[in-house]
Amino acid sequence: MTLRLAAFALVFGACAPGPTVGVFDDEALLAELEGYTTWGSPPGWEGLRYACDADHGPFVRLYANPLAIRGLELGSSLPDGALLVSASFQDPEGTPKLLTAMRKVRGFAPEDDDWYWSQLDEAGTRVAVGGDIPACAACHAASDGHLRHRDGPPAWSPADCD
């Protein structure tokens, strides 16, 4: 009888859904962001870059964790756990303006390619707003995998932004 029960559990256990996706929240994001300034930058985004995008500030520096870098190098969809951080500055001297992050969380928001969006304080120590942020999703929606300027930054100059 025990053998039959074991076989039943094996057969029907294989049909059961896989492990549920863990809860991802602002606290988990902050833990993953620790040391982000030591990460690399997406290809073409090295160093401080001029940007017209008023949502992120006139100057940005992008960081990406190793999962994101690898996905970008392969040109593939970014995997669960990929994390991109945009440090935004008011001027080329590096006066902080805003810190934003987008983290791929499997099953979080399928309609938005599973991105968990967040806006943090200037130091990156507290999440001001995080989760499903419609403004972030809407701005990124037209981009491949919700990644704007995936192939590198546009060649913006101050004259382009007037």
N, C-alpha and C. Protein backbone atom coordinates (compact mmCIF):
# COMPACT_ATOMS: atom_id res chain seq x y z
N MET A 1 0.82 -1.20 0.00
CA MET A 1 0.00 0.00 0.00
C MET A 1 0.86 1.26 0.00
N THR A 2 1.95 1.21 0.72
CA THR A 2 2.83 2.37 0.79
C THR A 2 3.43 2.69 -0.57
N LEU A 3 3.77 1.65 -1.33
CA LEU A 3 4.34 1.84 -2.66
C LEU A 3 3.33 2.52 -3.58
N ARG A 4 2.05 2.09 -3.52
CA ARG A 4 1.01 2.72 -4.33
C ARG A 4 0.84 4.19 -3.96
N LEU A 5 0.84 4.49 -2.68
CA LEU A 5 0.71 5.87 -2.23
C LEU A 5 1.87 6.72 -2.72
N ALA A 6 3.07 6.16 -2.68
CA ALA A 6 4.25 6.88 -3.16
C ALA A 6 4.14 7.15 -4.65
N ALA A 7 3.67 6.15 -5.42
CA ALA A 7 3.51 6.32 -6.86
C ALA A 7 2.45 7.39 -7.15
N PHE A 8 1.34 7.36 -6.41
CA PHE A 8 0.29 8.35 -6.57
C PHE A 8 0.84 9.76 -6.32
N ALA A 9 1.60 9.91 -5.24
CA ALA A 9 2.18 11.21 -4.90
C ALA A 9 3.14 11.67 -5.97
N LEU A 10 3.93 10.76 -6.52
CA LEU A 10 4.89 11.10 -7.55
C LEU A 10 4.18 11.57 -8.81
N VAL A 11 3.17 10.82 -9.26
CA VAL A 11 2.45 11.17 -10.48
C VAL A 11 1.69 12.47 -10.32
N PHE A 12 0.90 12.60 -9.26
CA PHE A 12 0.10 13.81 -9.10
C PHE A 12 0.90 15.00 -8.58
N GLY A 13 1.98 14.72 -7.90
CA GLY A 13 2.86 15.80 -7.47
C GLY A 13 3.51 16.48 -8.66
N ALA A 14 3.79 15.72 -9.72
CA ALA A 14 4.40 16.30 -10.91
C ALA A 14 3.45 17.25 -11.62
N CYS A 15 2.14 17.07 -11.40
CA CYS A 15 1.15 17.94 -12.04
C CYS A 15 0.86 19.19 -11.21
N ALA A 16 1.33 19.21 -10.00
CA ALA A 16 1.06 20.36 -9.14
C ALA A 16 1.83 21.58 -9.64
N PRO A 17 1.31 22.78 -9.39
CA PRO A 17 2.04 23.97 -9.82
C PRO A 17 3.39 24.05 -9.12
N GLY A 18 4.34 24.72 -9.79
CA GLY A 18 5.68 24.88 -9.23
C GLY A 18 5.64 25.79 -8.02
N PRO A 19 6.79 26.04 -7.45
CA PRO A 19 6.83 26.90 -6.27
C PRO A 19 6.28 28.28 -6.59
N THR A 20 5.62 28.85 -5.66
CA THR A 20 5.05 30.18 -5.89
C THR A 20 6.15 31.22 -5.86
N VAL A 21 5.95 32.29 -6.60
CA VAL A 21 6.91 33.38 -6.64
C VAL A 21 6.90 34.05 -5.27
N GLY A 22 8.07 34.27 -4.73
CA GLY A 22 8.17 34.92 -3.43
C GLY A 22 7.70 36.36 -3.50
N VAL A 23 7.39 36.90 -2.38
CA VAL A 23 6.94 38.29 -2.31
C VAL A 23 8.16 39.19 -2.50
N PHE A 24 8.02 40.13 -3.40
CA PHE A 24 9.08 41.12 -3.61
C PHE A 24 8.50 42.47 -3.24
N ASP A 25 9.22 43.22 -2.41
CA ASP A 25 8.71 44.51 -1.95
C ASP A 25 9.87 45.50 -1.83
N ASP A 26 9.56 46.67 -1.30
CA ASP A 26 10.56 47.72 -1.18
C ASP A 26 11.74 47.30 -0.31
N GLU A 27 11.47 46.55 0.75
CA GLU A 27 12.54 46.10 1.64
C GLU A 27 13.50 45.15 0.90
N ALA A 28 12.95 44.25 0.11
CA ALA A 28 13.78 43.34 -0.68
C ALA A 28 14.59 44.11 -1.71
N LEU A 29 13.98 45.12 -2.31
CA LEU A 29 14.68 45.94 -3.28
C LEU A 29 15.87 46.66 -2.64
N LEU A 30 15.64 47.26 -1.49
CA LEU A 30 16.73 47.97 -0.81
C LEU A 30 17.90 47.04 -0.50
N ALA A 31 17.60 45.82 -0.11
CA ALA A 31 18.66 44.85 0.18
C ALA A 31 19.46 44.54 -1.08
N GLU A 32 18.78 44.40 -2.21
CA GLU A 32 19.47 44.10 -3.46
C GLU A 32 20.24 45.29 -4.01
N LEU A 33 19.83 46.49 -3.64
CA LEU A 33 20.50 47.69 -4.14
C LEU A 33 21.83 47.98 -3.43
N GLU A 34 22.05 47.33 -2.32
CA GLU A 34 23.27 47.60 -1.57
C GLU A 34 24.50 47.40 -2.47
N GLY A 35 25.32 48.42 -2.56
CA GLY A 35 26.54 48.36 -3.36
C GLY A 35 26.33 48.56 -4.85
N TYR A 36 25.17 49.08 -5.26
CA TYR A 36 24.89 49.21 -6.69
C TYR A 36 25.92 50.08 -7.42
N THR A 37 26.56 51.02 -6.72
CA THR A 37 27.52 51.89 -7.40
C THR A 37 28.79 51.14 -7.80
N THR A 38 28.94 49.91 -7.34
CA THR A 38 30.10 49.11 -7.75
C THR A 38 29.78 48.23 -8.96
N TRP A 39 28.50 48.20 -9.37
CA TRP A 39 28.11 47.40 -10.52
C TRP A 39 28.61 48.06 -11.80
N GLY A 40 28.57 47.32 -12.87
CA GLY A 40 28.89 47.88 -14.18
C GLY A 40 27.72 48.67 -14.73
N SER A 41 27.94 49.21 -15.90
CA SER A 41 26.89 49.95 -16.61
C SER A 41 26.48 49.16 -17.84
N PRO A 42 25.26 49.33 -18.29
CA PRO A 42 24.86 48.68 -19.54
C PRO A 42 25.78 49.13 -20.67
N PRO A 43 26.01 48.29 -21.66
CA PRO A 43 26.89 48.66 -22.76
C PRO A 43 26.48 50.00 -23.39
N GLY A 44 27.45 50.90 -23.51
CA GLY A 44 27.22 52.22 -24.08
C GLY A 44 26.82 53.28 -23.08
N TRP A 45 26.51 52.88 -21.85
CA TRP A 45 26.04 53.82 -20.84
C TRP A 45 27.09 54.12 -19.77
N GLU A 46 28.33 53.82 -20.02
CA GLU A 46 29.37 54.03 -19.02
C GLU A 46 29.52 55.52 -18.71
N GLY A 47 29.71 55.83 -17.44
CA GLY A 47 29.92 57.22 -17.02
C GLY A 47 28.66 58.06 -16.99
N LEU A 48 28.83 59.31 -16.64
CA LEU A 48 27.72 60.26 -16.57
C LEU A 48 27.34 60.68 -17.99
N ARG A 49 26.06 60.60 -18.31
CA ARG A 49 25.59 60.91 -19.66
C ARG A 49 24.59 62.05 -19.62
N TYR A 50 24.65 62.91 -20.64
CA TYR A 50 23.66 63.96 -20.76
C TYR A 50 22.37 63.34 -21.27
N ALA A 51 21.25 63.79 -20.72
CA ALA A 51 19.94 63.26 -21.13
C ALA A 51 18.91 64.37 -21.11
N CYS A 52 18.10 64.39 -22.12
CA CYS A 52 17.01 65.38 -22.17
C CYS A 52 15.85 65.00 -21.26
N ASP A 53 15.76 63.75 -20.91
CA ASP A 53 14.61 63.21 -20.23
C ASP A 53 14.37 63.89 -18.88
N ALA A 54 13.40 64.76 -18.82
CA ALA A 54 13.11 65.50 -17.59
C ALA A 54 12.64 64.59 -16.46
N ASP A 55 12.08 63.43 -16.81
CA ASP A 55 11.62 62.51 -15.77
C ASP A 55 12.77 62.00 -14.92
N HIS A 56 13.92 61.83 -15.54
CA HIS A 56 15.07 61.30 -14.80
C HIS A 56 16.13 62.36 -14.52
N GLY A 57 16.03 63.52 -15.09
CA GLY A 57 17.01 64.56 -14.88
C GLY A 57 17.89 64.76 -16.10
N PRO A 58 18.58 65.88 -16.14
CA PRO A 58 19.39 66.18 -17.32
C PRO A 58 20.69 65.37 -17.43
N PHE A 59 21.11 64.75 -16.34
CA PHE A 59 22.32 63.92 -16.36
C PHE A 59 22.02 62.61 -15.64
N VAL A 60 22.43 61.50 -16.24
CA VAL A 60 22.16 60.19 -15.64
C VAL A 60 23.40 59.32 -15.69
N ARG A 61 23.43 58.41 -14.75
CA ARG A 61 24.41 57.34 -14.77
C ARG A 61 23.63 56.06 -14.50
N LEU A 62 23.77 55.08 -15.39
CA LEU A 62 23.04 53.83 -15.24
C LEU A 62 23.95 52.75 -14.70
N TYR A 63 23.38 51.94 -13.83
CA TYR A 63 24.05 50.77 -13.26
C TYR A 63 23.18 49.56 -13.53
N ALA A 64 23.80 48.41 -13.67
CA ALA A 64 23.05 47.18 -13.90
C ALA A 64 23.72 46.04 -13.14
N ASN A 65 22.90 45.21 -12.50
CA ASN A 65 23.49 44.06 -11.82
C ASN A 65 23.96 43.04 -12.87
N PRO A 66 24.75 42.06 -12.48
CA PRO A 66 25.29 41.11 -13.47
C PRO A 66 24.24 40.39 -14.32
N LEU A 67 23.08 40.07 -13.75
CA LEU A 67 22.01 39.44 -14.55
C LEU A 67 21.54 40.35 -15.67
N ALA A 68 21.38 41.62 -15.37
CA ALA A 68 20.93 42.58 -16.38
C ALA A 68 22.01 42.78 -17.45
N ILE A 69 23.26 42.92 -17.03
CA ILE A 69 24.35 43.11 -17.99
C ILE A 69 24.40 41.93 -18.96
N ARG A 70 24.31 40.72 -18.44
CA ARG A 70 24.39 39.52 -19.28
C ARG A 70 23.22 39.49 -20.27
N GLY A 71 22.02 39.78 -19.82
CA GLY A 71 20.87 39.79 -20.71
C GLY A 71 21.01 40.85 -21.80
N LEU A 72 21.52 42.02 -21.44
CA LEU A 72 21.71 43.08 -22.43
C LEU A 72 22.79 42.71 -23.44
N GLU A 73 23.86 42.09 -22.97
CA GLU A 73 24.92 41.66 -23.88
C GLU A 73 24.42 40.61 -24.87
N LEU A 74 23.54 39.74 -24.41
CA LEU A 74 23.00 38.70 -25.27
C LEU A 74 21.87 39.21 -26.17
N GLY A 75 21.36 40.41 -25.84
CA GLY A 75 20.25 40.96 -26.61
C GLY A 75 18.94 40.25 -26.33
N SER A 76 18.88 39.57 -25.21
CA SER A 76 17.69 38.79 -24.88
C SER A 76 16.80 39.53 -23.89
N SER A 77 15.66 38.92 -23.62
CA SER A 77 14.79 39.43 -22.58
C SER A 77 15.52 39.30 -21.25
N LEU A 78 15.39 40.27 -20.40
CA LEU A 78 16.12 40.21 -19.13
C LEU A 78 15.45 39.22 -18.19
N PRO A 79 16.25 38.46 -17.45
CA PRO A 79 15.71 37.41 -16.59
C PRO A 79 15.20 37.94 -15.26
N ASP A 80 14.46 37.10 -14.57
CA ASP A 80 14.03 37.40 -13.21
C ASP A 80 15.27 37.73 -12.38
N GLY A 81 15.21 38.82 -11.65
CA GLY A 81 16.35 39.24 -10.83
C GLY A 81 17.18 40.34 -11.45
N ALA A 82 16.98 40.61 -12.76
CA ALA A 82 17.72 41.70 -13.40
C ALA A 82 17.31 43.02 -12.74
N LEU A 83 18.29 43.86 -12.47
CA LEU A 83 18.03 45.12 -11.77
C LEU A 83 18.82 46.23 -12.43
N LEU A 84 18.12 47.29 -12.82
CA LEU A 84 18.72 48.47 -13.43
C LEU A 84 18.46 49.67 -12.52
N VAL A 85 19.48 50.50 -12.36
CA VAL A 85 19.37 51.67 -11.50
C VAL A 85 19.80 52.90 -12.29
N SER A 86 18.98 53.94 -12.23
CA SER A 86 19.30 55.22 -12.86
C SER A 86 19.55 56.25 -11.75
N ALA A 87 20.80 56.66 -11.65
CA ALA A 87 21.14 57.75 -10.72
C ALA A 87 21.08 59.03 -11.54
N SER A 88 20.22 59.94 -11.15
CA SER A 88 19.99 61.16 -11.92
C SER A 88 20.56 62.36 -11.18
N PHE A 89 21.08 63.29 -11.97
CA PHE A 89 21.75 64.46 -11.39
C PHE A 89 21.25 65.74 -12.04
N GLN A 90 21.30 66.82 -11.28
CA GLN A 90 20.84 68.11 -11.76
C GLN A 90 21.87 68.81 -12.64
N ASP A 91 23.14 68.43 -12.49
CA ASP A 91 24.22 69.10 -13.21
C ASP A 91 25.37 68.13 -13.42
N PRO A 92 26.35 68.50 -14.26
CA PRO A 92 27.47 67.59 -14.52
C PRO A 92 28.40 67.43 -13.32
N GLU A 93 28.24 68.27 -12.31
CA GLU A 93 29.04 68.14 -11.10
C GLU A 93 28.52 67.02 -10.19
N GLY A 94 27.36 66.51 -10.49
CA GLY A 94 26.82 65.37 -9.75
C GLY A 94 25.93 65.73 -8.58
N THR A 95 25.22 66.86 -8.66
CA THR A 95 24.25 67.20 -7.62
C THR A 95 23.06 66.25 -7.76
N PRO A 96 22.82 65.38 -6.77
CA PRO A 96 21.76 64.37 -6.90
C PRO A 96 20.38 64.97 -7.13
N LYS A 97 19.61 64.29 -7.96
CA LYS A 97 18.23 64.67 -8.20
C LYS A 97 17.28 63.54 -7.83
N LEU A 98 17.57 62.33 -8.31
CA LEU A 98 16.61 61.24 -8.18
C LEU A 98 17.33 59.91 -8.39
N LEU A 99 16.85 58.91 -7.71
CA LEU A 99 17.35 57.55 -7.92
C LEU A 99 16.15 56.68 -8.24
N THR A 100 16.18 56.00 -9.38
CA THR A 100 15.09 55.11 -9.75
C THR A 100 15.66 53.72 -10.04
N ALA A 101 14.82 52.73 -9.91
CA ALA A 101 15.25 51.36 -10.17
C ALA A 101 14.10 50.59 -10.80
N MET A 102 14.46 49.62 -11.62
CA MET A 102 13.49 48.69 -12.17
C MET A 102 14.07 47.30 -12.01
N ARG A 103 13.27 46.42 -11.37
CA ARG A 103 13.73 45.07 -11.05
C ARG A 103 12.76 44.08 -11.66
N LYS A 104 13.27 43.11 -12.39
CA LYS A 104 12.43 42.09 -13.02
C LYS A 104 12.01 41.09 -11.95
N VAL A 105 10.70 40.94 -11.76
CA VAL A 105 10.15 40.03 -10.76
C VAL A 105 9.14 39.13 -11.46
N ARG A 106 9.52 37.88 -11.66
CA ARG A 106 8.67 36.93 -12.38
C ARG A 106 7.27 36.88 -11.77
N GLY A 107 6.29 37.15 -12.63
CA GLY A 107 4.89 37.08 -12.21
C GLY A 107 4.35 38.34 -11.56
N PHE A 108 5.18 39.39 -11.41
CA PHE A 108 4.73 40.59 -10.71
C PHE A 108 3.70 41.38 -11.51
N ALA A 109 4.03 41.72 -12.74
CA ALA A 109 3.13 42.51 -13.57
C ALA A 109 3.32 42.07 -15.03
N PRO A 110 2.72 40.94 -15.41
CA PRO A 110 2.93 40.41 -16.77
C PRO A 110 2.62 41.42 -17.88
N GLU A 111 1.65 42.28 -17.66
CA GLU A 111 1.29 43.27 -18.69
C GLU A 111 2.40 44.31 -18.88
N ASP A 112 3.30 44.42 -17.93
CA ASP A 112 4.42 45.36 -18.01
C ASP A 112 5.76 44.62 -17.99
N ASP A 113 5.78 43.44 -18.58
CA ASP A 113 6.99 42.62 -18.68
C ASP A 113 7.60 42.30 -17.32
N ASP A 114 6.76 42.26 -16.28
CA ASP A 114 7.14 41.88 -14.92
C ASP A 114 8.13 42.83 -14.24
N TRP A 115 8.08 44.11 -14.56
CA TRP A 115 8.98 45.07 -13.92
C TRP A 115 8.37 45.62 -12.64
N TYR A 116 9.18 45.67 -11.61
CA TYR A 116 8.85 46.31 -10.33
C TYR A 116 9.59 47.64 -10.37
N TRP A 117 8.85 48.73 -10.41
CA TRP A 117 9.42 50.07 -10.54
C TRP A 117 9.57 50.70 -9.17
N SER A 118 10.54 51.56 -9.02
CA SER A 118 10.68 52.25 -7.74
C SER A 118 11.39 53.59 -7.91
N GLN A 119 11.04 54.48 -7.03
CA GLN A 119 11.69 55.79 -6.93
C GLN A 119 12.17 55.91 -5.50
N LEU A 120 13.45 56.24 -5.34
CA LEU A 120 14.07 56.28 -4.02
C LEU A 120 14.53 57.68 -3.68
N ASP A 121 14.88 57.87 -2.41
CA ASP A 121 15.46 59.15 -2.03
C ASP A 121 16.83 59.28 -2.69
N GLU A 122 17.42 60.47 -2.65
CA GLU A 122 18.67 60.74 -3.35
C GLU A 122 19.79 59.79 -2.95
N ALA A 123 19.80 59.36 -1.70
CA ALA A 123 20.86 58.47 -1.22
C ALA A 123 20.57 57.01 -1.51
N GLY A 124 19.36 56.70 -1.95
CA GLY A 124 19.00 55.32 -2.25
C GLY A 124 18.76 54.50 -1.00
N THR A 125 18.41 55.15 0.10
CA THR A 125 18.22 54.43 1.36
C THR A 125 16.77 54.21 1.73
N ARG A 126 15.86 54.86 1.00
CA ARG A 126 14.44 54.73 1.31
C ARG A 126 13.64 54.79 0.02
N VAL A 127 12.68 53.90 -0.11
CA VAL A 127 11.83 53.90 -1.30
C VAL A 127 10.68 54.87 -1.07
N ALA A 128 10.57 55.86 -1.94
CA ALA A 128 9.47 56.83 -1.85
C ALA A 128 8.19 56.22 -2.40
N VAL A 129 8.31 55.53 -3.52
CA VAL A 129 7.17 54.84 -4.11
C VAL A 129 7.73 53.63 -4.87
N GLY A 130 7.05 52.50 -4.75
CA GLY A 130 7.55 51.31 -5.43
C GLY A 130 6.43 50.36 -5.78
N GLY A 131 6.70 49.51 -6.75
CA GLY A 131 5.73 48.50 -7.16
C GLY A 131 5.28 48.72 -8.58
N ASP A 132 3.98 48.73 -8.76
CA ASP A 132 3.38 48.93 -10.08
C ASP A 132 3.12 50.42 -10.24
N ILE A 133 4.04 51.14 -10.89
CA ILE A 133 3.91 52.58 -11.05
C ILE A 133 3.47 52.86 -12.49
N PRO A 134 2.21 53.24 -12.70
CA PRO A 134 1.68 53.42 -14.05
C PRO A 134 2.49 54.38 -14.92
N ALA A 135 3.01 55.48 -14.36
CA ALA A 135 3.77 56.43 -15.16
C ALA A 135 5.05 55.79 -15.71
N CYS A 136 5.71 54.98 -14.92
CA CYS A 136 6.93 54.30 -15.38
C CYS A 136 6.58 53.31 -16.49
N ALA A 137 5.58 52.49 -16.21
CA ALA A 137 5.17 51.47 -17.17
C ALA A 137 4.73 52.10 -18.49
N ALA A 138 3.98 53.19 -18.43
CA ALA A 138 3.48 53.84 -19.64
C ALA A 138 4.63 54.41 -20.48
N CYS A 139 5.59 55.02 -19.84
CA CYS A 139 6.71 55.62 -20.56
C CYS A 139 7.58 54.54 -21.22
N HIS A 140 7.73 53.41 -20.57
CA HIS A 140 8.59 52.34 -21.08
C HIS A 140 7.85 51.35 -21.97
N ALA A 141 6.53 51.41 -22.02
CA ALA A 141 5.72 50.40 -22.71
C ALA A 141 6.05 50.22 -24.18
N ALA A 142 6.38 51.27 -24.88
CA ALA A 142 6.63 51.17 -26.32
C ALA A 142 8.01 50.61 -26.64
N SER A 143 8.81 50.36 -25.63
CA SER A 143 10.17 49.89 -25.83
C SER A 143 10.26 48.37 -25.75
N ASP A 144 11.23 47.81 -26.45
CA ASP A 144 11.46 46.37 -26.43
C ASP A 144 11.75 45.91 -25.02
N GLY A 145 10.86 45.08 -24.46
CA GLY A 145 11.05 44.59 -23.09
C GLY A 145 10.96 45.68 -22.04
N HIS A 146 10.34 46.79 -22.37
CA HIS A 146 10.21 47.96 -21.50
C HIS A 146 11.57 48.60 -21.20
N LEU A 147 12.54 48.39 -22.09
CA LEU A 147 13.87 48.96 -21.91
C LEU A 147 14.09 50.07 -22.93
N ARG A 148 14.01 51.30 -22.47
CA ARG A 148 14.23 52.43 -23.36
C ARG A 148 15.72 52.53 -23.70
N HIS A 149 16.02 52.86 -24.92
CA HIS A 149 17.40 53.04 -25.39
C HIS A 149 18.26 51.81 -25.09
N ARG A 150 17.72 50.65 -25.35
CA ARG A 150 18.39 49.38 -25.09
C ARG A 150 19.77 49.30 -25.75
N ASP A 151 19.91 49.88 -26.92
CA ASP A 151 21.17 49.80 -27.66
C ASP A 151 22.16 50.90 -27.31
N GLY A 152 21.90 51.62 -26.25
CA GLY A 152 22.80 52.69 -25.83
C GLY A 152 22.09 54.02 -25.84
N PRO A 153 22.72 55.01 -25.23
CA PRO A 153 22.06 56.31 -25.10
C PRO A 153 22.04 57.07 -26.42
N PRO A 154 20.99 57.85 -26.63
CA PRO A 154 20.98 58.73 -27.79
C PRO A 154 22.10 59.77 -27.64
N ALA A 155 22.54 60.31 -28.74
CA ALA A 155 23.60 61.33 -28.71
C ALA A 155 22.96 62.70 -28.45
N TRP A 156 22.45 62.88 -27.24
CA TRP A 156 21.80 64.14 -26.88
C TRP A 156 22.84 65.22 -26.61
N SER A 157 22.47 66.43 -26.91
CA SER A 157 23.25 67.60 -26.51
C SER A 157 22.26 68.60 -25.94
N PRO A 158 22.73 69.57 -25.17
CA PRO A 158 21.79 70.55 -24.59
C PRO A 158 20.91 71.22 -25.64
N ALA A 159 21.40 71.44 -26.84
CA ALA A 159 20.61 72.09 -27.90
C ALA A 159 19.42 71.22 -28.31
N ASP A 160 19.57 69.89 -28.16
CA ASP A 160 18.48 68.98 -28.56
C ASP A 160 17.29 69.05 -27.61
N CYS A 161 17.49 69.57 -26.44
CA CYS A 161 16.48 69.50 -25.39
C CYS A 161 15.68 70.76 -25.22
N ASP A 162 15.93 71.75 -26.02
CA ASP A 162 15.19 73.02 -25.89
C ASP A 162 13.83 72.93 -26.50
